[in-house]
Protein backbone atom coordinates (compact mmCIF):
# COMPACT_ATOMS: atom_id res chain seq x y z
CA UNK A 1 -12.41 7.88 -1.73
CA UNK A 2 -13.25 5.18 0.37
CA UNK A 3 -10.26 3.52 2.81
CA UNK A 4 -8.74 3.19 5.58
CA UNK A 5 -6.63 5.89 7.68
CA UNK A 6 -8.70 6.08 10.79
CA UNK A 7 -9.34 2.63 11.13
CA UNK A 8 -5.11 1.67 10.60
CA UNK A 9 -3.31 5.35 12.11
CA UNK A 10 0.16 4.46 11.36
CA UNK A 11 2.49 6.35 8.64
CA UNK A 12 2.85 4.11 5.86
CA UNK A 13 -1.09 3.23 5.78
CA UNK A 14 -1.28 6.83 5.91
CA UNK A 15 0.47 7.47 2.89
CA UNK A 16 -1.18 4.54 0.57
CA UNK A 17 -3.75 6.84 0.50
CA UNK A 18 -2.84 9.88 1.32
CA UNK A 19 -1.09 9.96 -2.48
CA UNK A 20 -4.08 8.64 -3.97
CA UNK A 21 -6.50 11.81 -2.38
CA UNK A 22 -3.18 14.13 -3.12
CA UNK A 23 -2.78 12.75 -6.61
CA UNK A 24 -6.60 13.06 -7.47
CA UNK A 25 -6.85 17.23 -6.05
CA UNK A 26 -4.07 17.53 -8.32
CA UNK A 27 -5.68 16.68 -11.26
CA UNK A 28 -8.33 18.91 -10.60
CA UNK A 29 -10.59 16.72 -9.40
CA UNK A 30 -12.62 17.21 -5.97
CA UNK A 31 -12.46 14.42 -3.51
CA UNK A 32 -13.59 13.01 -0.50
CA UNK A 33 -12.65 11.20 1.80
CA UNK A 34 -14.98 8.32 3.14
CA UNK A 35 -13.82 5.70 5.40
CA UNK A 36 -16.35 3.22 7.45
CA UNK A 37 -16.02 1.40 10.47
CA UNK A 38 -17.46 -1.89 9.03
CA UNK A 39 -19.51 -3.97 11.82
CA UNK A 40 -16.89 -5.65 13.19
CA UNK A 41 -16.19 -4.90 16.90
CA UNK A 42 -12.12 -4.98 16.03
CA UNK A 43 -12.25 -1.91 13.86
CA UNK A 44 -10.15 0.29 15.70
CA UNK A 45 -6.42 -0.39 15.45
CA UNK A 46 -5.22 2.01 18.58
CA UNK A 47 -1.03 1.98 18.90
CA UNK A 48 -1.11 3.86 22.12
CA UNK A 49 -2.77 1.54 24.12
CA UNK A 50 -1.73 -1.34 21.54
CA UNK A 51 -5.49 -2.72 21.48
CA UNK A 52 -7.51 -3.43 18.46
CA UNK A 53 -11.60 -2.51 19.02
CA UNK A 54 -14.38 -0.71 18.21
CA UNK A 55 -13.45 2.84 19.75
CA UNK A 56 -12.21 5.52 16.92
CA UNK A 57 -10.69 8.49 19.48
CA UNK A 58 -7.24 7.66 18.38
CA UNK A 59 -7.35 7.09 14.91
CA UNK A 60 -9.69 10.43 14.51
CA UNK A 61 -7.80 12.81 15.95
CA UNK A 62 -4.62 11.51 14.05
CA UNK A 63 -6.78 11.90 10.92
CA UNK A 64 -8.41 14.69 11.33
CA UNK A 65 -3.96 16.40 12.71
CA UNK A 66 -2.82 14.89 9.01
CA UNK A 67 -5.33 15.86 6.55
CA UNK A 68 -5.56 19.33 7.85
CA UNK A 69 -2.04 19.44 7.53
CA UNK A 70 -2.17 19.05 4.36
CA UNK A 71 -5.79 20.88 3.70
CA UNK A 72 -7.55 17.51 1.99
CA UNK A 73 -10.48 18.57 4.91
CA UNK A 74 -13.29 16.90 2.70
CA UNK A 75 -13.07 13.35 4.57
CA UNK A 76 -15.85 11.62 7.19
CA UNK A 77 -15.78 8.32 9.22
CA UNK A 78 -18.86 6.39 9.61
CA UNK A 79 -19.01 4.61 12.68
CA UNK A 80 -21.68 1.85 12.46
CA UNK A 81 -21.46 0.74 15.92
CA UNK A 82 -23.02 4.17 17.36
CA UNK A 83 -24.78 5.01 13.69
CA UNK A 84 -22.59 7.98 14.20
CA UNK A 85 -21.01 10.87 11.75
CA UNK A 86 -17.72 12.11 12.59
CA UNK A 87 -15.54 15.03 9.94
CA UNK A 88 -16.17 17.93 8.47
CA UNK A 89 -17.90 16.12 5.85
CA UNK A 90 -19.83 13.87 7.99
CA UNK A 91 -22.73 16.19 7.38
CA UNK A 92 -23.50 16.20 3.67
CA UNK A 93 -22.15 12.76 3.10
CA UNK A 94 -25.73 11.92 1.21
CA UNK A 95 -25.60 15.04 -1.23
CA UNK A 96 -21.67 13.79 -2.09
CA UNK A 97 -22.31 10.64 -2.64
CA UNK A 98 -25.47 11.24 -4.93
CA UNK A 99 -23.39 14.39 -7.17
CA UNK A 100 -20.47 11.76 -7.56
CA UNK A 101 -18.95 10.47 -10.67
CA UNK A 102 -16.69 7.67 -9.37
CA UNK A 103 -16.00 6.04 -6.54
CA UNK A 104 -12.53 4.78 -5.64
CA UNK A 105 -12.21 1.78 -3.62
CA UNK A 106 -8.42 1.18 -1.98
CA UNK A 107 -8.56 -2.24 -0.56
CA UNK A 108 -12.16 -2.99 -0.54
CA UNK A 109 -12.24 -2.64 3.27
CA UNK A 110 -16.03 -1.42 3.52
CA UNK A 111 -19.24 -3.24 3.25
CA UNK A 112 -21.99 -1.88 0.85
CA UNK A 113 -23.40 0.89 1.77
CA UNK A 114 -26.52 2.45 0.77
CA UNK A 115 -25.17 6.26 -0.18
CA UNK A 116 -21.90 4.92 -2.14
CA UNK A 117 -23.96 2.40 -3.98
CA UNK A 118 -25.66 4.43 -6.35
CA UNK A 119 -21.86 5.47 -7.58
CA UNK A 120 -22.20 5.13 -11.43
CA UNK A 121 -18.38 4.48 -11.49
CA UNK A 122 -17.53 2.16 -8.76
CA UNK A 123 -13.45 1.16 -9.16
CA UNK A 124 -12.37 -1.56 -6.89
CA UNK A 125 -8.94 -2.01 -6.40
CA UNK A 126 -6.93 -5.01 -5.34
CA UNK A 127 -3.97 -4.01 -3.45
CA UNK A 128 -3.46 -7.91 -1.84
CA UNK A 129 -3.37 -9.73 -4.86
CA UNK A 130 -4.15 -13.56 -4.60
CA UNK A 131 -5.43 -13.13 -1.27
CA UNK A 132 -8.41 -10.87 -2.57
CA UNK A 133 -9.07 -13.83 -4.77
CA UNK A 134 -9.15 -16.01 -2.74
CA UNK A 135 -10.93 -14.55 -0.35
CA UNK A 136 -14.14 -13.83 -2.67
CA UNK A 137 -14.17 -17.38 -3.01
CA UNK A 138 -14.69 -18.48 0.70
CA UNK A 139 -16.14 -15.59 1.89
CA UNK A 140 -19.14 -14.18 0.69
CA UNK A 141 -19.31 -10.74 2.39
CA UNK A 142 -16.00 -10.50 0.67
CA UNK A 143 -17.50 -11.17 -2.95
CA UNK A 144 -20.47 -9.33 -1.89
CA UNK A 145 -18.03 -6.15 -1.43
CA UNK A 146 -15.92 -6.82 -5.44
CA UNK A 147 -19.65 -7.04 -7.34
CA UNK A 148 -20.67 -3.68 -6.06
CA UNK A 149 -17.90 -2.46 -8.35
CA UNK A 150 -18.32 -2.34 -12.09
CA UNK A 151 -14.32 -1.94 -12.59
CA UNK A 152 -11.82 -3.96 -10.49
CA UNK A 153 -8.54 -3.69 -11.04
CA UNK A 154 -5.09 -5.30 -9.12
CA UNK A 155 -2.00 -5.37 -8.12
CA UNK A 156 -0.99 -7.98 -9.82
CA UNK A 157 0.60 -6.44 -12.76
CA UNK A 158 2.55 -9.12 -14.74
CA UNK A 159 0.83 -10.45 -17.57
CA UNK A 160 2.09 -14.11 -15.99
CA UNK A 161 0.78 -13.61 -13.06
CA UNK A 162 -1.57 -16.77 -12.05
CA UNK A 163 -4.65 -15.68 -9.94
CA UNK A 164 -7.14 -17.55 -8.46
CA UNK A 165 -10.62 -16.93 -11.27
CA UNK A 166 -12.77 -15.47 -8.65
CA UNK A 167 -15.41 -13.99 -11.80
CA UNK A 168 -13.94 -10.82 -11.90
CA UNK A 169 -11.73 -9.24 -14.99
CA UNK A 170 -8.80 -7.63 -12.82
CA UNK A 171 -7.40 -5.12 -14.52
CA UNK A 172 -3.42 -3.54 -13.53
CA UNK A 173 -2.24 -0.69 -12.17
CA UNK A 174 0.04 -0.07 -9.54
CA UNK A 175 0.53 2.78 -6.20
CA UNK A 176 0.43 6.19 -6.90
CA UNK A 177 3.05 8.35 -5.52
CA UNK A 178 3.05 12.25 -5.60
CA UNK A 179 6.78 12.57 -6.16
CA UNK A 180 7.38 16.06 -5.25
CA UNK A 181 6.30 15.04 -1.57
CA UNK A 182 9.13 13.00 -1.34
CA UNK A 183 11.91 15.22 -2.35
CA UNK A 184 15.64 13.08 -2.21
CA UNK A 185 17.77 14.52 0.35
CA UNK A 186 21.86 12.86 0.70
CA UNK A 187 21.45 9.56 2.40
CA UNK A 188 23.90 9.29 5.27
CA UNK A 189 26.99 7.55 4.63
CA UNK A 190 26.78 4.89 7.31
CA UNK A 191 22.84 4.55 7.07
CA UNK A 192 21.28 1.00 7.24
CA UNK A 193 19.19 -0.43 4.58
CA UNK A 194 15.84 -0.56 5.91
CA UNK A 195 11.99 -1.65 5.38
CA UNK A 196 8.93 -1.19 7.75
CA UNK A 197 7.07 -5.07 7.51
CA UNK A 198 4.50 -7.44 9.56
CA UNK A 199 5.62 -10.78 10.32
CA UNK A 200 2.76 -12.85 9.91
CA UNK A 201 -0.23 -9.83 8.80
CA UNK A 202 -2.94 -12.75 8.59
CA UNK A 203 -2.68 -17.03 8.38
CA UNK A 204 -1.64 -18.46 5.32
CA UNK A 205 -4.14 -19.85 2.54
CA UNK A 206 -4.55 -22.51 0.80
CA UNK A 207 -5.69 -23.05 -2.92
CA UNK A 208 -6.31 -26.18 -4.89
CA UNK A 209 -3.09 -27.48 -3.19
CA UNK A 210 -1.09 -24.69 -2.97
CA UNK A 211 0.18 -22.42 -0.13
CA UNK A 212 0.09 -18.97 -0.38
CA UNK A 213 2.22 -17.00 2.91
CA UNK A 214 3.12 -14.49 4.33
CA UNK A 215 7.02 -12.71 4.39
CA UNK A 216 7.68 -14.90 7.46
CA UNK A 217 8.14 -18.45 4.72
CA UNK A 218 9.61 -15.25 2.65
CA UNK A 219 12.62 -14.60 4.75
CA UNK A 220 13.63 -17.52 5.83
CA UNK A 221 16.12 -18.40 3.05
CA UNK A 222 17.43 -14.83 3.14
CA UNK A 223 18.43 -14.67 7.09
CA UNK A 224 21.98 -15.39 6.82
CA UNK A 225 22.08 -11.47 4.42
CA UNK A 226 23.83 -10.28 7.42
CA UNK A 227 26.58 -12.52 7.84
CA UNK A 228 27.62 -12.38 3.78
CA UNK A 229 27.46 -8.36 3.51
CA UNK A 230 29.11 -5.61 5.89
CA UNK A 231 26.53 -3.38 4.55
CA UNK A 232 24.62 -3.15 7.62
CA UNK A 233 20.59 -3.99 7.69
CA UNK A 234 17.30 -3.43 9.64
CA UNK A 235 13.96 -4.36 10.51
CA UNK A 236 11.02 -1.69 11.88
CA UNK A 237 9.06 -5.38 12.19
CA UNK A 238 6.18 -6.53 13.86
CA UNK A 239 4.15 -9.34 14.81
CA UNK A 240 3.84 -12.20 17.81
CA UNK A 241 6.28 -15.05 16.22
CA UNK A 242 8.61 -12.41 14.68
CA UNK A 243 11.85 -14.55 15.99
CA UNK A 244 13.87 -10.87 17.67
CA UNK A 245 16.01 -12.45 19.50
CA UNK A 246 17.37 -15.00 16.64
CA UNK A 247 17.46 -12.21 13.89
CA UNK A 248 19.60 -10.04 15.64
CA UNK A 249 22.24 -13.15 16.90
CA UNK A 250 22.26 -13.22 12.98
CA UNK A 251 23.44 -9.43 12.16
CA UNK A 252 20.04 -7.74 12.20
CA UNK A 253 19.17 -4.49 13.42
CA UNK A 254 15.61 -4.69 14.89
CA UNK A 255 13.45 -1.49 15.55
CA UNK A 256 9.87 -1.31 16.84
CA UNK A 257 8.37 -0.35 13.82
CA UNK A 258 5.72 1.80 16.18
CA UNK A 259 8.79 4.46 15.76
CA UNK A 260 8.70 5.13 11.89
CA UNK A 261 5.24 4.91 11.53
CA UNK A 262 4.08 7.29 14.45
CA UNK A 263 2.78 9.50 11.51
CA UNK A 264 3.11 10.27 7.68
CA UNK A 265 6.03 12.65 8.47
CA UNK A 266 8.41 10.13 11.29
CA UNK A 267 7.43 7.33 8.07
CA UNK A 268 8.97 10.07 5.56
CA UNK A 269 12.07 10.61 7.69
CA UNK A 270 13.03 6.93 8.45
CA UNK A 271 13.01 6.23 5.01
CA UNK A 272 15.38 9.32 4.29
CA UNK A 273 17.77 8.13 6.97
CA UNK A 274 17.55 4.64 5.17
CA UNK A 275 20.62 3.98 2.87
CA UNK A 276 18.20 2.46 0.80
CA UNK A 277 15.29 -0.45 1.45
CA UNK A 278 16.16 -4.47 1.77
CA UNK A 279 13.04 -6.59 1.63
CA UNK A 280 11.05 -9.23 1.17
CA UNK A 281 7.42 -10.21 -0.48
CA UNK A 282 4.93 -12.35 1.19
CA UNK A 283 5.54 -15.88 -0.13
CA UNK A 284 1.71 -15.89 -1.32
CA UNK A 285 2.99 -12.91 -4.28
CA UNK A 286 6.15 -14.72 -5.11
CA UNK A 287 4.21 -17.97 -5.26
CA UNK A 288 1.57 -16.78 -7.86
CA UNK A 289 4.89 -14.62 -9.66
CA UNK A 290 1.80 -11.16 -9.48
CA UNK A 291 3.93 -9.03 -10.14
CA UNK A 292 2.97 -6.38 -7.01
CA UNK A 293 5.13 -3.74 -6.14
CA UNK A 294 4.82 -2.41 -2.92
CA UNK A 295 3.44 1.34 -1.43
CA UNK A 296 6.61 1.56 0.83
CA UNK A 297 9.37 0.80 -1.81
CA UNK A 298 7.81 2.86 -4.22
CA UNK A 299 7.91 5.09 -1.37
CA UNK A 300 12.12 4.94 -1.53
CA UNK A 301 12.37 5.27 -5.05
CA UNK A 302 10.61 8.99 -5.02
CA UNK A 303 13.16 9.62 -2.09
CA UNK A 304 16.61 8.45 -4.34
CA UNK A 305 17.16 5.34 -2.08
CA UNK A 306 17.48 2.19 -4.09
CA UNK A 307 15.25 -0.52 -3.23
CA UNK A 308 16.18 -4.36 -3.33
CA UNK A 309 13.72 -6.53 -3.24
CA UNK A 310 12.48 -9.94 -3.62
CA UNK A 311 10.87 -10.90 -7.01
CA UNK A 312 7.24 -10.76 -7.62
CA UNK A 313 7.27 -11.33 -11.26
CA UNK A 314 7.29 -6.62 -10.72
CA UNK A 315 10.44 -7.28 -13.65
CA UNK A 316 7.75 -8.00 -15.88
CA UNK A 317 6.90 -4.75 -16.59
CA UNK A 318 9.18 -2.78 -14.29
CA UNK A 319 12.74 -2.11 -15.94
CA UNK A 320 15.45 -3.01 -13.63
CA UNK A 321 19.27 -3.28 -12.34
CA UNK A 322 19.57 -0.07 -11.87
CA UNK A 323 17.69 1.66 -8.82
CA UNK A 324 15.46 -1.21 -8.24
CA UNK A 325 17.43 -4.44 -8.09
CA UNK A 326 15.22 -7.90 -7.80
CA UNK A 327 16.49 -10.97 -6.10
CA UNK A 328 15.45 -14.81 -5.68
CA UNK A 329 18.13 -16.39 -4.30
CA UNK A 330 20.50 -15.33 -0.89
CA UNK A 331 23.18 -14.69 -3.29
CA UNK A 332 21.86 -13.13 -5.47
CA UNK A 333 20.60 -10.59 -2.83
CA UNK A 334 23.74 -10.39 -1.27
CA UNK A 335 25.34 -9.44 -4.89
CA UNK A 336 22.50 -6.72 -5.02
CA UNK A 337 22.82 -5.15 -1.41
CA UNK A 338 26.72 -4.92 -2.68
CA UNK A 339 26.23 -3.29 -5.78
CA UNK A 340 23.92 -0.48 -4.73
CA UNK A 341 26.27 -0.21 -1.92
CA UNK A 342 29.94 0.11 -4.23
CA UNK A 343 27.81 2.40 -6.52
CA UNK A 344 25.21 4.13 -4.21
CA UNK A 345 24.99 7.55 -6.41
CA UNK A 346 24.41 6.25 -9.11
CA UNK A 347 21.39 4.00 -7.94
CA UNK A 348 19.84 6.71 -6.01
CA UNK A 349 19.69 9.00 -9.10
CA UNK A 350 17.91 6.14 -11.22
CA UNK A 351 15.53 5.24 -8.15
CA UNK A 352 14.25 8.99 -8.33
CA UNK A 353 14.35 8.89 -11.94
CA UNK A 354 12.33 5.20 -12.19
CA UNK A 355 9.52 6.68 -9.81
CA UNK A 356 9.03 9.46 -11.42
CA UNK A 357 8.65 7.31 -14.82
CA UNK A 358 6.35 4.57 -13.42
CA UNK A 359 4.56 5.78 -9.82
CA UNK A 360 4.65 9.32 -10.66
CA UNK A 361 0.69 9.99 -9.67
CA UNK A 362 -0.52 11.94 -12.97
CA UNK A 363 0.30 9.42 -15.38
CA UNK A 364 -0.49 6.32 -12.43
CA UNK A 365 -4.12 7.87 -11.65
CA UNK A 366 -5.05 8.91 -15.26
CA UNK A 367 -5.01 6.09 -16.83
CA UNK A 368 -6.57 4.08 -13.99
CA UNK A 369 -9.65 7.02 -14.76
CA UNK A 370 -9.11 6.38 -18.26
CA UNK A 371 -9.19 2.31 -18.15
CA UNK A 372 -12.01 2.19 -15.54
CA UNK A 373 -14.19 4.18 -17.79
CA UNK A 374 -13.49 2.05 -20.54
CA UNK A 375 -14.34 -0.72 -18.83
CA UNK A 376 -17.81 0.50 -17.26
CA UNK A 377 -19.07 2.32 -20.42
CA UNK A 378 -18.28 5.01 -23.63
CA UNK A 379 -18.30 7.98 -21.59
CA UNK A 380 -15.48 10.61 -20.71
CA UNK A 381 -14.32 12.00 -17.97
CA UNK A 382 -15.36 15.41 -16.96
CA UNK A 383 -13.03 17.55 -17.01
CA UNK A 384 -13.68 18.14 -12.78
CA UNK A 385 -14.75 14.66 -11.79
CA UNK A 386 -16.65 14.70 -8.50
CA UNK A 387 -14.76 11.98 -6.41
CA UNK A 388 -15.92 10.06 -3.29
CA UNK A 389 -12.71 8.29 -2.69
CA UNK A 390 -12.80 5.53 0.24
């Protein structure tokens, strides 16, 4: 499995990957997590120094600690800047990859390397729909990363999605959740609705005259929400352009996201300490009606925390109205938040039930592998698959 934990050592990002690792392991597969620094000088984020550079020291310690805690000790990190391997599986990568049946590439953030390109079934999982396809149309190196795979999946699940045509057949998938890692505890009575977000992840993109923007674009129509409800609302948000003072004046509580995302356990505690989630989506996801659904929101649901989130088209494939409420306008957002607050116990039960039914890792990952094998060949997965994950 290819992924992004050493380079993105924060709680939410870690859980995004860990649930694939834990879920595949619990299905009986032998899984190795493999991460690559890439060749660019701005590879690694260090939250203690608040810099992004080539130094993986913080991320390596972060990854080693959580992998040990979860007994996931088959992992390795390739530092291309120093041509060096780290992690307990680093000394056996050539052998591991030569024996692997499946490569699962989460988010396509790694360049093609000779040790992975020979794995028979190579699955790409696009977690950033619209933006991924636009990069393929405009950035040859990104296109090469997708071309090395023979099965392509996307978090754009809606059958009505409108993705730019980059030449690949994108099949739907969603975030798996290892539900037993998210036990339900009662929500504090006075807790706010919360979310964790980046105001601007990267510059907006344009395609054929259409604008595909970030959460900052989506948030504007909903800035007055705290003035329309007595339910407390909190954003764990960051970004150079985040209008902290303006949002606080409007009634939003603002928390620096590195507080709840210091590690996977602080992240989980933050969700448990919430009444539910209120969140917007990237404007690009909304504009293309992708059906994208946040891995973070799936964790809220699994924790028995109702989710009120902006419609991206996910209601085309997921049930809404109980535990999960979609909105497109400010009036709809007000009504949804008030509905959840008034019937929290009912919505909490429905949230957990929805997570078990629609996001359970056993169902999501089994389907992903079956669909990948069907896409690549008529071969059936072995009872135990040697899987290189990254």
